[in-house]
Amino acid sequence: MKLTITGYSTALFATWYFIEELGLLFDAGDGVSSSLLQKSRKIKHIFVSHPDRDHITGLLQIRQLNAREGGYPIVYYPKDAGSFPAMDRFMSKFDPHTKDSTWTPLGQHQNTFIKNGIFVRSIRNEHIEAPLDIIKSLSFDVIEVKQKLKEAFRKYDPKELQSIRLEKGNSFITEEKRQSILSYSGDTPVQDFDRWKDSKILIHEATFLDPSVKTHKGRKKNEHSILEEVIEMVAASNVEQLILGHFSSRYSKEQIEQAVRAFAQKHALNIPIFCVLPGETMRDILAQTPTHPSFQ
């Protein structure tokens, strides 16, 4: 399935990614509606990773623009993040005509079907420190479900297959296959190298180029990823295309691109890598020239 992905992601300021073919929005940072314009009316499902302001401030305008019968997008959020019910109550008072919007809490490994044969699975991550049974920050996996012919029947001719199908049913000769077609990390440190190992397309944050800046004095910060850790993780996976974003605005375009190429070479990562650079909206990301091309 071809996916048209448009996104903006700058740490601290705003993050959002829109997948047009699925009517799907990951996070809803500031500027999503003004960037997508009329395409923002195609949004049917909004999966929000966590309640940091740079991931949620676009919700007010999306909800207002889509407040019409058949147009209300469903907002999905981490079940223990109390900011979302509070936002819903505020928006219902601020824009009373939007009160019919649906907000759905998600726990660990909940599957939400967004269209026939495609569901989104929620995955707890470690961006916000919390007990294991508390869900305040999520990643998401988009999974396509197909029925495939069982290996034992692949050499049968069509007439034989049709005869068996009529006699014993389609389920006798087919089996369900699931494929992760797109994964979205949200904000999270790299902890599990197998988490995205079979994703076809991975959108992952890479806030810091230098690991030393993760150490802050005076107060605890939510956890983010370091670029090299992301590259190393993906190099050990079957990911086919990588989209990196949420870079800190302290880094220039040249610094980011140079670091991505250097770490990809270091870890022998031979897939296309696309970078959503600070301050830039990137349209149809996978159709652009990658920062690091693959060499087959």
Protein backbone atom coordinates (compact mmCIF):
# COMPACT_ATOMS: atom_id res chain seq x y z
CA MET A 1 0.00 0.00 0.00
CA LYS A 2 1.36 3.40 -1.00
CA LEU A 3 1.25 5.85 1.87
CA THR A 4 1.31 9.63 1.48
CA ILE A 5 2.80 10.97 4.72
CA THR A 6 3.02 14.68 5.49
CA GLY A 7 4.54 15.88 8.73
CA TYR A 8 6.07 18.55 10.91
CA SER A 9 8.17 17.68 13.93
CA THR A 10 10.38 20.04 15.90
CA ALA A 11 11.11 19.23 19.54
CA LEU A 12 9.42 21.60 22.00
CA PHE A 13 7.34 23.38 19.33
CA ALA A 14 5.06 20.98 17.41
CA THR A 15 4.79 17.43 16.09
CA TRP A 16 2.21 15.82 13.81
CA TYR A 17 2.12 13.30 10.95
CA PHE A 18 -0.82 12.83 8.57
CA ILE A 19 -1.25 9.61 6.55
CA GLU A 20 -3.68 10.57 3.82
CA GLU A 21 -4.78 7.14 2.55
CA LEU A 22 -5.77 6.07 6.06
CA GLY A 23 -7.35 9.34 7.24
CA LEU A 24 -4.94 8.98 10.14
CA LEU A 25 -3.16 11.64 12.21
CA PHE A 26 -0.41 10.85 14.70
CA ASP A 27 -0.22 13.64 17.28
CA ALA A 28 -1.74 17.07 16.74
CA GLY A 29 0.78 19.79 17.36
CA ASP A 30 0.34 23.44 16.51
CA GLY A 31 -0.10 24.27 12.82
CA VAL A 32 -1.51 20.96 11.62
CA SER A 33 -4.76 22.50 10.29
CA SER A 34 -3.11 25.54 8.68
CA SER A 35 -0.58 23.26 6.96
CA LEU A 36 -3.07 20.68 5.69
CA LEU A 37 -5.87 23.19 4.91
CA GLN A 38 -8.82 21.30 3.33
CA LYS A 39 -6.99 17.99 3.72
CA SER A 40 -7.45 18.36 7.47
CA ARG A 41 -11.10 17.44 6.83
CA LYS A 42 -9.90 13.99 5.73
CA ILE A 43 -8.73 13.21 9.26
CA LYS A 44 -10.90 10.45 10.73
CA HIS A 45 -8.69 9.08 13.50
CA ILE A 46 -6.26 11.01 15.73
CA PHE A 47 -3.87 8.94 17.84
CA VAL A 48 -2.13 11.18 20.39
CA SER A 49 0.99 9.76 21.98
CA HIS A 50 1.06 11.88 25.16
CA PRO A 51 -0.19 15.22 26.53
CA ASP A 52 2.87 17.45 26.05
CA ARG A 53 1.71 20.75 24.58
CA ASP A 54 3.75 20.42 21.39
CA HIS A 55 1.72 17.30 20.57
CA ILE A 56 -1.83 18.47 21.41
CA THR A 57 -2.34 22.19 20.76
CA GLY A 58 -3.69 21.59 17.25
CA LEU A 59 -6.63 19.55 18.57
CA LEU A 60 -8.81 22.59 19.25
CA GLN A 61 -8.86 23.74 15.63
CA ILE A 62 -9.13 20.24 14.14
CA ARG A 63 -12.15 19.55 16.33
CA GLN A 64 -13.78 22.85 15.35
CA LEU A 65 -13.12 22.41 11.61
CA ASN A 66 -14.52 18.89 11.59
CA ALA A 67 -17.56 19.52 13.80
CA ARG A 68 -20.19 18.21 11.41
CA GLU A 69 -22.25 15.07 11.06
CA GLY A 70 -20.05 12.27 9.74
CA GLY A 71 -16.96 14.43 10.10
CA TYR A 72 -16.00 14.16 13.75
CA PRO A 73 -12.57 12.51 14.02
CA ILE A 74 -12.11 10.13 16.95
CA VAL A 75 -9.32 11.09 19.34
CA TYR A 76 -7.43 8.21 20.98
CA TYR A 77 -5.17 8.92 23.95
CA PRO A 78 -3.22 7.19 26.77
CA LYS A 79 -5.84 6.09 29.30
CA ASP A 80 -4.16 7.50 32.40
CA ALA A 81 -3.31 10.93 30.95
CA GLY A 82 -5.89 13.12 32.68
CA SER A 83 -5.19 16.10 30.41
CA PHE A 84 -7.37 14.65 27.65
CA PRO A 85 -10.69 14.42 29.51
CA ALA A 86 -9.96 17.94 30.80
CA MET A 87 -9.40 19.16 27.23
CA ASP A 88 -12.63 17.51 26.11
CA ARG A 89 -14.60 19.26 28.84
CA PHE A 90 -13.02 22.63 28.04
CA MET A 91 -13.58 22.30 24.28
CA SER A 92 -17.22 21.32 24.81
CA LYS A 93 -17.75 24.60 26.68
CA PHE A 94 -15.57 26.72 24.41
CA ASP A 95 -17.12 25.33 21.19
CA PRO A 96 -20.47 23.79 22.24
CA HIS A 97 -21.23 22.63 18.68
CA THR A 98 -18.24 20.26 18.92
CA LYS A 99 -19.58 18.39 21.98
CA ASP A 100 -20.40 15.25 19.97
CA SER A 101 -16.71 14.52 19.41
CA THR A 102 -15.52 11.12 20.62
CA TRP A 103 -12.45 10.69 22.82
CA THR A 104 -11.31 7.12 23.47
CA PRO A 105 -8.75 6.08 26.13
CA LEU A 106 -6.27 3.36 25.17
CA GLY A 107 -4.30 0.93 27.27
CA GLN A 108 -1.48 -1.44 26.42
CA HIS A 109 -1.85 -3.49 23.22
CA GLN A 110 -5.34 -2.35 22.33
CA ASN A 111 -6.30 -2.87 18.68
CA THR A 112 -8.41 -0.19 16.98
CA PHE A 113 -9.70 -0.94 13.48
CA ILE A 114 -9.63 2.20 11.34
CA LYS A 115 -10.74 0.57 8.08
CA ASN A 116 -11.30 -2.92 6.69
CA GLY A 117 -8.20 -5.01 7.22
CA ILE A 118 -6.21 -2.31 9.03
CA PHE A 119 -5.93 -1.67 12.74
CA VAL A 120 -3.72 0.45 15.02
CA ARG A 121 -2.15 -1.20 18.08
CA SER A 122 -1.22 0.92 21.09
CA ILE A 123 2.12 0.22 22.79
CA ARG A 124 3.19 1.66 26.13
CA ASN A 125 6.49 3.58 26.02
CA GLU A 126 8.83 5.15 28.55
CA HIS A 127 8.67 8.84 27.68
CA ILE A 128 6.82 9.61 30.91
CA GLU A 129 8.00 7.78 34.02
CA ALA A 130 5.12 5.84 35.57
CA PRO A 131 4.38 2.43 37.14
CA LEU A 132 4.03 -0.36 34.59
CA ASP A 133 0.25 -0.52 34.93
CA ILE A 134 -0.12 3.22 34.28
CA ILE A 135 -0.37 4.37 30.65
CA LYS A 136 0.58 8.01 30.11
CA SER A 137 2.56 7.78 26.86
CA LEU A 138 2.03 5.54 23.83
CA SER A 139 3.62 4.44 20.58
CA PHE A 140 1.51 3.03 17.74
CA ASP A 141 1.76 0.25 15.17
CA VAL A 142 -0.42 0.19 12.03
CA ILE A 143 -1.06 -3.41 11.03
CA GLU A 144 -2.58 -4.73 7.82
CA VAL A 145 -4.43 -8.06 7.95
CA LYS A 146 -4.69 -10.21 4.82
CA GLN A 147 -5.79 -13.74 4.00
CA LYS A 148 -3.02 -15.62 2.21
CA LEU A 149 -3.12 -18.98 0.50
CA LYS A 150 -1.58 -21.67 2.69
CA GLU A 151 1.75 -23.05 1.49
CA ALA A 152 0.27 -26.52 0.92
CA PHE A 153 -2.15 -25.18 -1.70
CA ARG A 154 0.11 -22.84 -3.67
CA LYS A 155 0.77 -25.32 -6.48
CA TYR A 156 -2.90 -26.16 -7.01
CA ASP A 157 -4.49 -24.84 -10.17
CA PRO A 158 -7.42 -22.37 -9.86
CA LYS A 159 -10.10 -24.98 -10.64
CA GLU A 160 -8.85 -27.31 -7.90
CA LEU A 161 -8.73 -24.45 -5.41
CA GLN A 162 -12.24 -23.37 -6.29
CA SER A 163 -13.52 -26.92 -5.79
CA ILE A 164 -11.89 -27.17 -2.35
CA ARG A 165 -13.15 -23.72 -1.43
CA LEU A 166 -16.74 -24.65 -2.30
CA GLU A 167 -16.50 -27.92 -0.39
CA LYS A 168 -14.64 -26.85 2.76
CA GLY A 169 -14.74 -23.07 2.81
CA ASN A 170 -12.15 -20.38 2.18
CA SER A 171 -10.70 -20.64 5.68
CA PHE A 172 -9.56 -24.19 4.92
CA ILE A 173 -7.09 -23.05 2.26
CA THR A 174 -6.09 -19.61 3.58
CA GLU A 175 -4.48 -18.25 6.73
CA GLU A 176 -4.32 -14.82 8.29
CA LYS A 177 -1.14 -12.83 7.79
CA ARG A 178 -0.38 -9.62 9.65
CA GLN A 179 2.12 -7.02 8.48
CA SER A 180 3.22 -3.86 10.26
CA ILE A 181 2.95 -1.32 7.45
CA LEU A 182 3.74 1.77 9.54
CA SER A 183 4.96 2.39 13.08
CA TYR A 184 5.12 5.62 15.07
CA SER A 185 7.33 5.88 18.13
CA GLY A 186 5.96 9.08 19.62
CA ASP A 187 8.41 10.56 22.12
CA THR A 188 10.38 7.79 23.77
CA PRO A 189 13.90 6.59 24.46
CA VAL A 190 15.16 3.49 22.65
CA GLN A 191 14.78 0.57 25.03
CA ASP A 192 13.76 -2.50 23.06
CA PHE A 193 15.69 -3.26 19.86
CA ASP A 194 12.99 -5.72 18.76
CA ARG A 195 10.04 -3.36 19.17
CA TRP A 196 9.91 -2.28 15.50
CA LYS A 197 11.96 -5.09 13.93
CA ASP A 198 9.39 -6.00 11.25
CA SER A 199 7.90 -2.58 10.47
CA LYS A 200 7.93 -1.63 6.80
CA ILE A 201 8.01 2.11 7.59
CA LEU A 202 9.13 3.52 10.93
CA ILE A 203 8.59 7.11 12.06
CA HIS A 204 10.89 7.65 15.04
CA GLU A 205 11.96 10.62 17.08
CA ALA A 206 15.66 11.49 17.29
CA THR A 207 15.74 14.55 19.52
CA PHE A 208 19.44 14.59 20.37
CA LEU A 209 22.55 14.15 18.25
CA ASP A 210 24.81 14.30 21.32
CA PRO A 211 23.92 11.96 24.22
CA SER A 212 25.43 14.31 26.79
CA VAL A 213 22.54 16.80 26.48
CA LYS A 214 20.11 14.25 27.92
CA THR A 215 21.50 14.98 31.39
CA HIS A 216 19.75 17.96 32.97
CA LYS A 217 20.40 19.46 36.37
CA GLY A 218 17.73 20.72 38.73
CA ARG A 219 14.61 18.91 37.48
CA LYS A 220 13.64 15.69 35.79
CA LYS A 221 12.86 15.73 32.09
CA ASN A 222 10.75 13.33 30.06
CA GLU A 223 12.89 10.84 28.16
CA HIS A 224 13.78 11.17 24.46
CA SER A 225 15.87 9.30 21.90
CA ILE A 226 19.46 9.79 20.82
CA LEU A 227 20.04 9.61 17.07
CA GLU A 228 22.76 6.95 17.12
CA GLU A 229 20.67 4.65 19.31
CA VAL A 230 17.81 4.87 16.82
CA ILE A 231 20.11 4.13 13.88
CA GLU A 232 21.69 1.19 15.71
CA MET A 233 18.26 -0.23 16.59
CA VAL A 234 16.97 0.05 13.02
CA ALA A 235 20.16 -1.50 11.63
CA ALA A 236 19.30 -4.65 13.61
CA SER A 237 15.74 -4.76 12.21
CA ASN A 238 13.85 -5.43 8.98
CA VAL A 239 12.59 -1.85 8.69
CA GLU A 240 12.48 -0.83 5.01
CA GLN A 241 12.17 2.97 5.28
CA LEU A 242 12.98 5.27 8.21
CA ILE A 243 11.53 8.72 8.89
CA LEU A 244 13.33 10.70 11.59
CA GLY A 245 11.90 13.77 13.29
CA HIS A 246 11.55 15.68 16.58
CA PHE A 247 15.11 16.98 16.26
CA SER A 248 16.01 19.74 18.67
CA SER A 249 16.08 23.17 17.03
CA ARG A 250 19.57 23.68 18.51
CA TYR A 251 20.88 21.67 15.52
CA SER A 252 21.23 22.98 11.98
CA LYS A 253 20.13 21.12 8.87
CA GLU A 254 23.77 20.44 8.02
CA GLN A 255 24.55 19.03 11.47
CA ILE A 256 21.56 16.69 11.37
CA GLU A 257 22.17 15.42 7.85
CA GLN A 258 25.88 14.91 8.48
CA ALA A 259 25.18 12.98 11.70
CA VAL A 260 22.52 10.79 10.06
CA ARG A 261 24.87 9.82 7.23
CA ALA A 262 27.78 9.19 9.59
CA PHE A 263 25.80 6.94 11.94
CA ALA A 264 24.13 5.09 9.05
CA GLN A 265 27.57 4.33 7.64
CA LYS A 266 28.93 3.34 11.06
CA HIS A 267 26.11 0.85 11.65
CA ALA A 268 25.84 -0.31 8.01
CA LEU A 269 22.23 0.83 7.72
CA ASN A 270 21.35 0.46 4.06
CA ILE A 271 17.79 1.79 3.77
CA PRO A 272 16.34 5.18 2.79
CA ILE A 273 16.32 7.64 5.70
CA PHE A 274 14.14 10.74 5.49
CA CYS A 275 14.58 13.65 7.92
CA VAL A 276 11.82 16.03 8.97
CA LEU A 277 14.06 18.97 9.79
CA PRO A 278 13.37 21.60 12.47
CA GLY A 279 10.93 24.27 11.33
CA GLU A 280 10.02 22.53 8.06
CA THR A 281 6.75 20.91 6.96
CA MET A 282 7.62 17.93 4.75
CA ARG A 283 4.95 16.88 2.25
CA ASP A 284 4.65 13.37 0.83
CA ILE A 285 7.79 12.44 2.74
CA LEU A 286 8.50 9.12 1.01
CA ALA A 287 8.45 10.81 -2.41
CA GLN A 288 11.28 13.17 -1.44
CA THR A 289 15.01 12.62 -1.86
CA PRO A 290 16.19 10.76 1.25
CA THR A 291 18.92 12.20 3.46
CA HIS A 292 20.60 8.82 3.32
CA PRO A 293 19.75 6.71 0.25
CA SER A 294 19.92 2.93 0.17
CA PHE A 295 22.49 1.28 -2.06
CA GLN A 296 21.29 -2.03 -3.44
